[in-house]
């Protein structure tokens, strides 16, 4: 795992942008969450991590991205929201 969650988030966003498919985007997101769980990161911290990833992905413009990158960004946003929804109820317990 990266030295801190900001570095980890930057690496995840970079991998999302460079992914060759939407399935890769999901795998990278899943691996990030699995890594945080293996390090016993609190659910609230994971939700905040996902929020920051989503915020960064939302800052990209379709006019400045290649079609595959834009597709990856959209999938990252959709899948990130799904993951957040799955983690948020568990974090509230």
PDB file of N, CA and C in Angstrom:
ATOM      1  N   UNK A   1       0.852  -1.181   0.000  1.00  0.00           N
ATOM      2  CA  UNK A   1       0.000   0.000   0.000  1.00  0.00           C
ATOM      3  C   UNK A   1       0.891   1.235   0.000  1.00  0.00           C
ATOM      4  N   UNK A   2       0.438   2.291  -0.624  1.00  0.00           N
ATOM      5  CA  UNK A   2       1.188   3.545  -0.696  1.00  0.00           C
ATOM      6  C   UNK A   2       1.397   4.114   0.699  1.00  0.00           C
ATOM      7  N   UNK A   3       2.302   5.069   0.788  1.00  0.00           N
ATOM      8  CA  UNK A   3       2.635   5.651   2.081  1.00  0.00           C
ATOM      9  C   UNK A   3       1.433   6.303   2.744  1.00  0.00           C
ATOM     10  N   UNK A   4       0.589   6.924   1.963  1.00  0.00           N
ATOM     11  CA  UNK A   4      -0.634   7.492   2.535  1.00  0.00           C
ATOM     12  C   UNK A   4      -1.760   7.385   1.510  1.00  0.00           C
ATOM     13  N   UNK A   5      -2.953   7.671   1.968  1.00  0.00           N
ATOM     14  CA  UNK A   5      -4.116   7.481   1.093  1.00  0.00           C
ATOM     15  C   UNK A   5      -4.152   8.454  -0.078  1.00  0.00           C
ATOM     16  N   UNK A   6      -3.536   9.637   0.072  1.00  0.00           N
ATOM     17  CA  UNK A   6      -3.497  10.567  -1.059  1.00  0.00           C
ATOM     18  C   UNK A   6      -2.662   9.999  -2.202  1.00  0.00           C
ATOM     19  N   UNK A   7      -1.523   9.390  -1.865  1.00  0.00           N
ATOM     20  CA  UNK A   7      -0.701   8.758  -2.895  1.00  0.00           C
ATOM     21  C   UNK A   7      -1.448   7.576  -3.509  1.00  0.00           C
ATOM     22  N   UNK A   8      -2.108   6.820  -2.668  1.00  0.00           N
ATOM     23  CA  UNK A   8      -2.873   5.655  -3.119  1.00  0.00           C
ATOM     24  C   UNK A   8      -3.982   6.100  -4.073  1.00  0.00           C
ATOM     25  N   UNK A   9      -4.654   7.198  -3.731  1.00  0.00           N
ATOM     26  CA  UNK A   9      -5.722   7.742  -4.570  1.00  0.00           C
ATOM     27  C   UNK A   9      -5.164   8.199  -5.911  1.00  0.00           C
ATOM     28  N   UNK A  10      -4.038   8.904  -5.900  1.00  0.00           N
ATOM     29  CA  UNK A  10      -3.432   9.371  -7.151  1.00  0.00           C
ATOM     30  C   UNK A  10      -3.045   8.201  -8.056  1.00  0.00           C
ATOM     31  N   UNK A  11      -2.514   7.135  -7.459  1.00  0.00           N
ATOM     32  CA  UNK A  11      -2.168   5.951  -8.240  1.00  0.00           C
ATOM     33  C   UNK A  11      -3.414   5.298  -8.829  1.00  0.00           C
ATOM     34  N   UNK A  12      -4.481   5.242  -8.043  1.00  0.00           N
ATOM     35  CA  UNK A  12      -5.718   4.640  -8.539  1.00  0.00           C
ATOM     36  C   UNK A  12      -6.278   5.450  -9.706  1.00  0.00           C
ATOM     37  N   UNK A  13      -6.324   6.760  -9.581  1.00  0.00           N
ATOM     38  CA  UNK A  13      -6.850   7.604 -10.661  1.00  0.00           C
ATOM     39  C   UNK A  13      -5.997   7.425 -11.917  1.00  0.00           C
ATOM     40  N   UNK A  14      -4.688   7.374 -11.746  1.00  0.00           N
ATOM     41  CA  UNK A  14      -3.792   7.173 -12.885  1.00  0.00           C
ATOM     42  C   UNK A  14      -4.069   5.832 -13.564  1.00  0.00           C
ATOM     43  N   UNK A  15      -4.252   4.787 -12.769  1.00  0.00           N
ATOM     44  CA  UNK A  15      -4.551   3.465 -13.336  1.00  0.00           C
ATOM     45  C   UNK A  15      -5.901   3.451 -14.035  1.00  0.00           C
ATOM     46  N   UNK A  16      -6.872   4.164 -13.477  1.00  0.00           N
ATOM     47  CA  UNK A  16      -8.183   4.247 -14.120  1.00  0.00           C
ATOM     48  C   UNK A  16      -8.043   4.889 -15.494  1.00  0.00           C
ATOM     49  N   UNK A  17      -7.301   5.987 -15.564  1.00  0.00           N
ATOM     50  CA  UNK A  17      -7.129   6.682 -16.838  1.00  0.00           C
ATOM     51  C   UNK A  17      -6.406   5.816 -17.867  1.00  0.00           C
ATOM     52  N   UNK A  18      -5.468   4.997 -17.420  1.00  0.00           N
ATOM     53  CA  UNK A  18      -4.652   4.199 -18.331  1.00  0.00           C
ATOM     54  C   UNK A  18      -5.240   2.823 -18.632  1.00  0.00           C
ATOM     55  N   UNK A  19      -6.355   2.495 -18.027  1.00  0.00           N
ATOM     56  CA  UNK A  19      -6.956   1.170 -18.219  1.00  0.00           C
ATOM     57  C   UNK A  19      -7.329   0.943 -19.679  1.00  0.00           C
ATOM     58  N   UNK A  20      -7.214  -0.328 -20.071  1.00  0.00           N
ATOM     59  CA  UNK A  20      -7.556  -0.689 -21.441  1.00  0.00           C
ATOM     60  C   UNK A  20      -9.014  -1.052 -21.630  1.00  0.00           C
ATOM     61  N   UNK A  21      -9.726  -1.231 -20.506  1.00  0.00           N
ATOM     62  CA  UNK A  21     -11.135  -1.598 -20.602  1.00  0.00           C
ATOM     63  C   UNK A  21     -11.859  -1.176 -19.325  1.00  0.00           C
ATOM     64  N   UNK A  22     -13.174  -1.226 -19.392  1.00  0.00           N
ATOM     65  CA  UNK A  22     -13.972  -0.890 -18.221  1.00  0.00           C
ATOM     66  C   UNK A  22     -13.830  -1.952 -17.140  1.00  0.00           C
ATOM     67  N   UNK A  23     -13.593  -3.196 -17.544  1.00  0.00           N
ATOM     68  CA  UNK A  23     -13.376  -4.268 -16.560  1.00  0.00           C
ATOM     69  C   UNK A  23     -12.100  -4.019 -15.761  1.00  0.00           C
ATOM     70  N   UNK A  24     -11.079  -3.490 -16.420  1.00  0.00           N
ATOM     71  CA  UNK A  24      -9.841  -3.156 -15.717  1.00  0.00           C
ATOM     72  C   UNK A  24     -10.096  -2.080 -14.669  1.00  0.00           C
ATOM     73  N   UNK A  25     -10.917  -1.103 -15.026  1.00  0.00           N
ATOM     74  CA  UNK A  25     -11.260  -0.035 -14.078  1.00  0.00           C
ATOM     75  C   UNK A  25     -11.862  -0.652 -12.814  1.00  0.00           C
ATOM     76  N   UNK A  26     -12.792  -1.570 -13.001  1.00  0.00           N
ATOM     77  CA  UNK A  26     -13.432  -2.226 -11.856  1.00  0.00           C
ATOM     78  C   UNK A  26     -12.409  -3.012 -11.040  1.00  0.00           C
ATOM     79  N   UNK A  27     -11.518  -3.722 -11.727  1.00  0.00           N
ATOM     80  CA  UNK A  27     -10.503  -4.513 -11.009  1.00  0.00           C
ATOM     81  C   UNK A  27      -9.593  -3.619 -10.182  1.00  0.00           C
ATOM     82  N   UNK A  28      -9.178  -2.482 -10.735  1.00  0.00           N
ATOM     83  CA  UNK A  28      -8.313  -1.574  -9.977  1.00  0.00           C
ATOM     84  C   UNK A  28      -9.039  -1.015  -8.765  1.00  0.00           C
ATOM     85  N   UNK A  29     -10.298  -0.633  -8.940  1.00  0.00           N
ATOM     86  CA  UNK A  29     -11.082  -0.121  -7.814  1.00  0.00           C
ATOM     87  C   UNK A  29     -11.248  -1.204  -6.753  1.00  0.00           C
ATOM     88  N   UNK A  30     -11.588  -2.420  -7.190  1.00  0.00           N
ATOM     89  CA  UNK A  30     -11.754  -3.532  -6.249  1.00  0.00           C
ATOM     90  C   UNK A  30     -10.456  -3.817  -5.494  1.00  0.00           C
ATOM     91  N   UNK A  31      -9.336  -3.782  -6.213  1.00  0.00           N
ATOM     92  CA  UNK A  31      -8.044  -4.043  -5.577  1.00  0.00           C
ATOM     93  C   UNK A  31      -7.725  -2.964  -4.535  1.00  0.00           C
ATOM     94  N   UNK A  32      -8.071  -1.718  -4.834  1.00  0.00           N
ATOM     95  CA  UNK A  32      -7.821  -0.636  -3.882  1.00  0.00           C
ATOM     96  C   UNK A  32      -8.630  -0.840  -2.609  1.00  0.00           C
ATOM     97  N   UNK A  33      -9.899  -1.185  -2.762  1.00  0.00           N
ATOM     98  CA  UNK A  33     -10.756  -1.403  -1.593  1.00  0.00           C
ATOM     99  C   UNK A  33     -10.296  -2.638  -0.819  1.00  0.00           C
ATOM    100  N   UNK A  34      -9.949  -3.698  -1.542  1.00  0.00           N
ATOM    101  CA  UNK A  34      -9.463  -4.908  -0.884  1.00  0.00           C
ATOM    102  C   UNK A  34      -8.181  -4.618  -0.104  1.00  0.00           C
ATOM    103  N   UNK A  35      -7.291  -3.837  -0.681  1.00  0.00           N
ATOM    104  CA  UNK A  35      -6.057  -3.465   0.005  1.00  0.00           C
ATOM    105  C   UNK A  35      -6.314  -2.677   1.271  1.00  0.00           C
ATOM    106  N   UNK A  36      -7.275  -1.759   1.203  1.00  0.00           N
ATOM    107  CA  UNK A  36      -7.601  -0.981   2.399  1.00  0.00           C
ATOM    108  C   UNK A  36      -8.221  -1.870   3.471  1.00  0.00           C
ATOM    109  N   UNK A  37      -9.084  -2.794   3.049  1.00  0.00           N
ATOM    110  CA  UNK A  37      -9.686  -3.710   4.023  1.00  0.00           C
ATOM    111  C   UNK A  37      -8.630  -4.592   4.671  1.00  0.00           C
ATOM    112  N   UNK A  38      -7.642  -5.019   3.889  1.00  0.00           N
ATOM    113  CA  UNK A  38      -6.592  -5.874   4.444  1.00  0.00           C
ATOM    114  C   UNK A  38      -5.723  -5.124   5.449  1.00  0.00           C
ATOM    115  N   UNK A  39      -5.717  -3.797   5.342  1.00  0.00           N
ATOM    116  CA  UNK A  39      -4.982  -2.967   6.301  1.00  0.00           C
ATOM    117  C   UNK A  39      -5.908  -2.420   7.393  1.00  0.00           C
ATOM    118  N   UNK A  40      -7.114  -2.993   7.479  1.00  0.00           N
ATOM    119  CA  UNK A  40      -8.094  -2.620   8.506  1.00  0.00           C
ATOM    120  C   UNK A  40      -8.423  -1.134   8.519  1.00  0.00           C
ATOM    121  N   UNK A  41      -8.559  -0.550   7.317  1.00  0.00           N
ATOM    122  CA  UNK A  41      -8.951   0.855   7.212  1.00  0.00           C
ATOM    123  C   UNK A  41     -10.434   0.961   7.533  1.00  0.00           C
ATOM    124  N   UNK A  42     -10.786   1.923   8.356  1.00  0.00           N
ATOM    125  CA  UNK A  42     -12.161   2.147   8.779  1.00  0.00           C
ATOM    126  C   UNK A  42     -13.053   2.434   7.570  1.00  0.00           C
ATOM    127  N   UNK A  43     -14.294   1.961   7.623  1.00  0.00           N
ATOM    128  CA  UNK A  43     -15.249   2.170   6.534  1.00  0.00           C
ATOM    129  C   UNK A  43     -15.480   3.628   6.203  1.00  0.00           C
ATOM    130  N   UNK A  44     -15.494   4.487   7.217  1.00  0.00           N
ATOM    131  CA  UNK A  44     -15.687   5.920   6.971  1.00  0.00           C
ATOM    132  C   UNK A  44     -14.524   6.495   6.164  1.00  0.00           C
ATOM    133  N   UNK A  45     -13.329   6.006   6.433  1.00  0.00           N
ATOM    134  CA  UNK A  45     -12.148   6.464   5.695  1.00  0.00           C
ATOM    135  C   UNK A  45     -12.225   5.977   4.247  1.00  0.00           C
ATOM    136  N   UNK A  46     -12.696   4.741   4.044  1.00  0.00           N
ATOM    137  CA  UNK A  46     -12.840   4.223   2.685  1.00  0.00           C
ATOM    138  C   UNK A  46     -13.871   5.031   1.898  1.00  0.00           C
ATOM    139  N   UNK A  47     -14.972   5.403   2.551  1.00  0.00           N
ATOM    140  CA  UNK A  47     -15.992   6.211   1.883  1.00  0.00           C
ATOM    141  C   UNK A  47     -15.409   7.568   1.498  1.00  0.00           C
ATOM    142  N   UNK A  48     -14.639   8.162   2.397  1.00  0.00           N
ATOM    143  CA  UNK A  48     -14.019   9.459   2.095  1.00  0.00           C
ATOM    144  C   UNK A  48     -13.001   9.310   0.961  1.00  0.00           C
ATOM    145  N   UNK A  49     -12.251   8.208   0.957  1.00  0.00           N
ATOM    146  CA  UNK A  49     -11.300   7.915  -0.118  1.00  0.00           C
ATOM    147  C   UNK A  49     -12.031   7.856  -1.463  1.00  0.00           C
ATOM    148  N   UNK A  50     -13.134   7.125  -1.502  1.00  0.00           N
ATOM    149  CA  UNK A  50     -13.914   7.013  -2.741  1.00  0.00           C
ATOM    150  C   UNK A  50     -14.453   8.380  -3.153  1.00  0.00           C
ATOM    151  N   UNK A  51     -14.927   9.165  -2.183  1.00  0.00           N
ATOM    152  CA  UNK A  51     -15.416  10.513  -2.495  1.00  0.00           C
ATOM    153  C   UNK A  51     -14.334  11.352  -3.170  1.00  0.00           C
ATOM    154  N   UNK A  52     -13.120  11.250  -2.663  1.00  0.00           N
ATOM    155  CA  UNK A  52     -12.021  12.028  -3.252  1.00  0.00           C
ATOM    156  C   UNK A  52     -11.672  11.536  -4.651  1.00  0.00           C
ATOM    157  N   UNK A  53     -11.725  10.223  -4.854  1.00  0.00           N
ATOM    158  CA  UNK A  53     -11.483   9.674  -6.198  1.00  0.00           C
ATOM    159  C   UNK A  53     -12.569  10.180  -7.147  1.00  0.00           C
ATOM    160  N   UNK A  54     -13.820  10.122  -6.712  1.00  0.00           N
ATOM    161  CA  UNK A  54     -14.931  10.591  -7.550  1.00  0.00           C
ATOM    162  C   UNK A  54     -14.793  12.070  -7.863  1.00  0.00           C
ATOM    163  N   UNK A  55     -14.417  12.858  -6.870  1.00  0.00           N
ATOM    164  CA  UNK A  55     -14.234  14.299  -7.077  1.00  0.00           C
ATOM    165  C   UNK A  55     -13.165  14.547  -8.139  1.00  0.00           C
ATOM    166  N   UNK A  56     -12.064  13.805  -8.034  1.00  0.00           N
ATOM    167  CA  UNK A  56     -10.988  13.982  -9.010  1.00  0.00           C
ATOM    168  C   UNK A  56     -11.429  13.541 -10.401  1.00  0.00           C
ATOM    169  N   UNK A  57     -12.141  12.424 -10.487  1.00  0.00           N
ATOM    170  CA  UNK A  57     -12.622  11.967 -11.791  1.00  0.00           C
ATOM    171  C   UNK A  57     -13.607  12.961 -12.399  1.00  0.00           C
ATOM    172  N   UNK A  58     -14.425  13.585 -11.567  1.00  0.00           N
ATOM    173  CA  UNK A  58     -15.395  14.562 -12.057  1.00  0.00           C
ATOM    174  C   UNK A  58     -14.731  15.833 -12.566  1.00  0.00           C
ATOM    175  N   UNK A  59     -13.500  16.069 -12.171  1.00  0.00           N
ATOM    176  CA  UNK A  59     -12.812  17.294 -12.586  1.00  0.00           C
ATOM    177  C   UNK A  59     -12.301  17.213 -14.025  1.00  0.00           C
ATOM    178  N   UNK A  60     -12.289  16.020 -14.606  1.00  0.00           N
ATOM    179  CA  UNK A  60     -11.815  15.866 -15.980  1.00  0.00           C
ATOM    180  C   UNK A  60     -12.903  16.257 -16.970  1.00  0.00           C
ATOM    181  N   UNK A  61     -12.472  16.869 -18.058  1.00  0.00           N
ATOM    182  CA  UNK A  61     -13.385  17.284 -19.115  1.00  0.00           C
ATOM    183  C   UNK A  61     -13.307  16.299 -20.276  1.00  0.00           C
ATOM    184  N   UNK A  62     -14.459  15.958 -20.871  1.00  0.00           N
ATOM    185  CA  UNK A  62     -14.417  15.035 -22.015  1.00  0.00           C
ATOM    186  C   UNK A  62     -13.669  15.628 -23.213  1.00  0.00           C
ATOM    187  N   UNK A  63     -13.568  16.942 -23.250  1.00  0.00           N
ATOM    188  CA  UNK A  63     -12.905  17.599 -24.380  1.00  0.00           C
ATOM    189  C   UNK A  63     -11.381  17.438 -24.323  1.00  0.00           C
ATOM    190  N   UNK A  64     -10.854  17.115 -23.153  1.00  0.00           N
ATOM    191  CA  UNK A  64      -9.398  17.024 -23.003  1.00  0.00           C
ATOM    192  C   UNK A  64      -8.913  15.586 -22.866  1.00  0.00           C
ATOM    193  N   UNK A  65      -9.807  14.622 -23.031  1.00  0.00           N
ATOM    194  CA  UNK A  65      -9.446  13.217 -22.838  1.00  0.00           C
ATOM    195  C   UNK A  65      -9.653  12.427 -24.128  1.00  0.00           C
ATOM    196  N   UNK A  66      -8.884  11.362 -24.233  1.00  0.00           N
ATOM    197  CA  UNK A  66      -9.080  10.411 -25.334  1.00  0.00           C
ATOM    198  C   UNK A  66     -10.384   9.651 -25.075  1.00  0.00           C
ATOM    199  N   UNK A  67     -11.013   9.107 -26.120  1.00  0.00           N
ATOM    200  CA  UNK A  67     -12.280   8.385 -25.917  1.00  0.00           C
ATOM    201  C   UNK A  67     -12.189   7.252 -24.885  1.00  0.00           C
ATOM    202  N   UNK A  68     -11.103   6.460 -24.909  1.00  0.00           N
ATOM    203  CA  UNK A  68     -10.976   5.366 -23.945  1.00  0.00           C
ATOM    204  C   UNK A  68     -10.834   5.914 -22.524  1.00  0.00           C
ATOM    205  N   UNK A  69     -10.070   6.993 -22.372  1.00  0.00           N
ATOM    206  CA  UNK A  69      -9.922   7.594 -21.046  1.00  0.00           C
ATOM    207  C   UNK A  69     -11.261   8.105 -20.538  1.00  0.00           C
ATOM    208  N   UNK A  70     -12.027   8.730 -21.409  1.00  0.00           N
ATOM    209  CA  UNK A  70     -13.323   9.251 -20.985  1.00  0.00           C
ATOM    210  C   UNK A  70     -14.264   8.114 -20.601  1.00  0.00           C
ATOM    211  N   UNK A  71     -14.223   7.021 -21.356  1.00  0.00           N
ATOM    212  CA  UNK A  71     -15.017   5.852 -21.012  1.00  0.00           C
ATOM    213  C   UNK A  71     -14.596   5.300 -19.642  1.00  0.00           C
ATOM    214  N   UNK A  72     -13.299   5.275 -19.390  1.00  0.00           N
ATOM    215  CA  UNK A  72     -12.791   4.806 -18.098  1.00  0.00           C
ATOM    216  C   UNK A  72     -13.232   5.729 -16.960  1.00  0.00           C
ATOM    217  N   UNK A  73     -13.207   7.016 -17.203  1.00  0.00           N
ATOM    218  CA  UNK A  73     -13.628   7.984 -16.182  1.00  0.00           C
ATOM    219  C   UNK A  73     -15.100   7.769 -15.839  1.00  0.00           C
ATOM    220  N   UNK A  74     -15.934   7.626 -16.869  1.00  0.00           N
ATOM    221  CA  UNK A  74     -17.357   7.394 -16.618  1.00  0.00           C
ATOM    222  C   UNK A  74     -17.584   6.108 -15.832  1.00  0.00           C
ATOM    223  N   UNK A  75     -16.879   5.033 -16.217  1.00  0.00           N
ATOM    224  CA  UNK A  75     -17.025   3.760 -15.502  1.00  0.00           C
ATOM    225  C   UNK A  75     -16.518   3.897 -14.071  1.00  0.00           C
ATOM    226  N   UNK A  76     -15.417   4.598 -13.893  1.00  0.00           N
ATOM    227  CA  UNK A  76     -14.886   4.820 -12.545  1.00  0.00           C
ATOM    228  C   UNK A  76     -15.878   5.550 -11.662  1.00  0.00           C
ATOM    229  N   UNK A  77     -16.544   6.534 -12.225  1.00  0.00           N
ATOM    230  CA  UNK A  77     -17.540   7.280 -11.447  1.00  0.00           C
ATOM    231  C   UNK A  77     -18.732   6.395 -11.091  1.00  0.00           C
ATOM    232  N   UNK A  78     -19.210   5.637 -12.058  1.00  0.00           N
ATOM    233  CA  UNK A  78     -20.355   4.755 -11.812  1.00  0.00           C
ATOM    234  C   UNK A  78     -19.999   3.688 -10.784  1.00  0.00           C
ATOM    235  N   UNK A  79     -18.872   3.030 -10.996  1.00  0.00           N
ATOM    236  CA  UNK A  79     -18.482   1.931 -10.106  1.00  0.00           C
ATOM    237  C   UNK A  79     -18.106   2.450  -8.715  1.00  0.00           C
ATOM    238  N   UNK A  80     -17.480   3.614  -8.667  1.00  0.00           N
ATOM    239  CA  UNK A  80     -17.152   4.218  -7.380  1.00  0.00           C
ATOM    240  C   UNK A  80     -18.391   4.494  -6.554  1.00  0.00           C
ATOM    241  N   UNK A  81     -19.436   4.973  -7.197  1.00  0.00           N
ATOM    242  CA  UNK A  81     -20.694   5.220  -6.484  1.00  0.00           C
ATOM    243  C   UNK A  81     -21.307   3.918  -5.982  1.00  0.00           C
ATOM    244  N   UNK A  82     -21.209   2.853  -6.794  1.00  0.00           N
ATOM    245  CA  UNK A  82     -21.715   1.549  -6.353  1.00  0.00           C
ATOM    246  C   UNK A  82     -20.944   1.048  -5.134  1.00  0.00           C
ATOM    247  N   UNK A  83     -19.620   1.148  -5.201  1.00  0.00           N
ATOM    248  CA  UNK A  83     -18.804   0.707  -4.072  1.00  0.00           C
ATOM    249  C   UNK A  83     -19.098   1.520  -2.819  1.00  0.00           C
ATOM    250  N   UNK A  84     -19.238   2.809  -3.008  1.00  0.00           N
ATOM    251  CA  UNK A  84     -19.547   3.700  -1.876  1.00  0.00           C
ATOM    252  C   UNK A  84     -20.857   3.293  -1.244  1.00  0.00           C
ATOM    253  N   UNK A  85     -21.861   2.967  -2.062  1.00  0.00           N
ATOM    254  CA  UNK A  85     -23.150   2.537  -1.549  1.00  0.00           C
ATOM    255  C   UNK A  85     -23.059   1.231  -0.774  1.00  0.00           C
ATOM    256  N   UNK A  86     -22.156   0.358  -1.198  1.00  0.00           N
ATOM    257  CA  UNK A  86     -21.978  -0.922  -0.503  1.00  0.00           C
ATOM    258  C   UNK A  86     -21.205  -0.759   0.799  1.00  0.00           C
ATOM    259  N   UNK A  87     -20.283   0.185   0.835  1.00  0.00           N
ATOM    260  CA  UNK A  87     -19.456   0.380   2.028  1.00  0.00           C
ATOM    261  C   UNK A  87     -20.161   1.254   3.063  1.00  0.00           C
ATOM    262  N   UNK A  88     -20.913   2.253   2.602  1.00  0.00           N
ATOM    263  CA  UNK A  88     -21.535   3.222   3.511  1.00  0.00           C
ATOM    264  C   UNK A  88     -22.427   2.560   4.565  1.00  0.00           C
ATOM    265  N   UNK A  89     -23.312   1.611   4.211  1.00  0.00           N
ATOM    266  CA  UNK A  89     -24.128   0.982   5.261  1.00  0.00           C
ATOM    267  C   UNK A  89     -23.276   0.238   6.283  1.00  0.00           C
ATOM    268  N   UNK A  90     -22.226  -0.400   5.825  1.00  0.00           N
ATOM    269  CA  UNK A  90     -21.340  -1.130   6.747  1.00  0.00           C
ATOM    270  C   UNK A  90     -20.575  -0.159   7.639  1.00  0.00           C
ATOM    271  N   UNK A  91     -20.248   1.016   7.120  1.00  0.00           N
ATOM    272  CA  UNK A  91     -19.513   2.007   7.895  1.00  0.00           C
ATOM    273  C   UNK A  91     -20.386   2.621   8.980  1.00  0.00           C
ATOM    274  N   UNK A  92     -21.702   2.628   8.764  1.00  0.00           N
ATOM    275  CA  UNK A  92     -22.621   3.235   9.727  1.00  0.00           C
ATOM    276  C   UNK A  92     -22.843   2.355  10.948  1.00  0.00           C
ATOM    277  N   UNK A  93     -22.518   1.065  10.834  1.00  0.00           N
ATOM    278  CA  UNK A  93     -22.763   0.130  11.942  1.00  0.00           C
ATOM    279  C   UNK A  93     -21.770   0.332  13.058  1.00  0.00           C
TER     280      UNK A  93
END
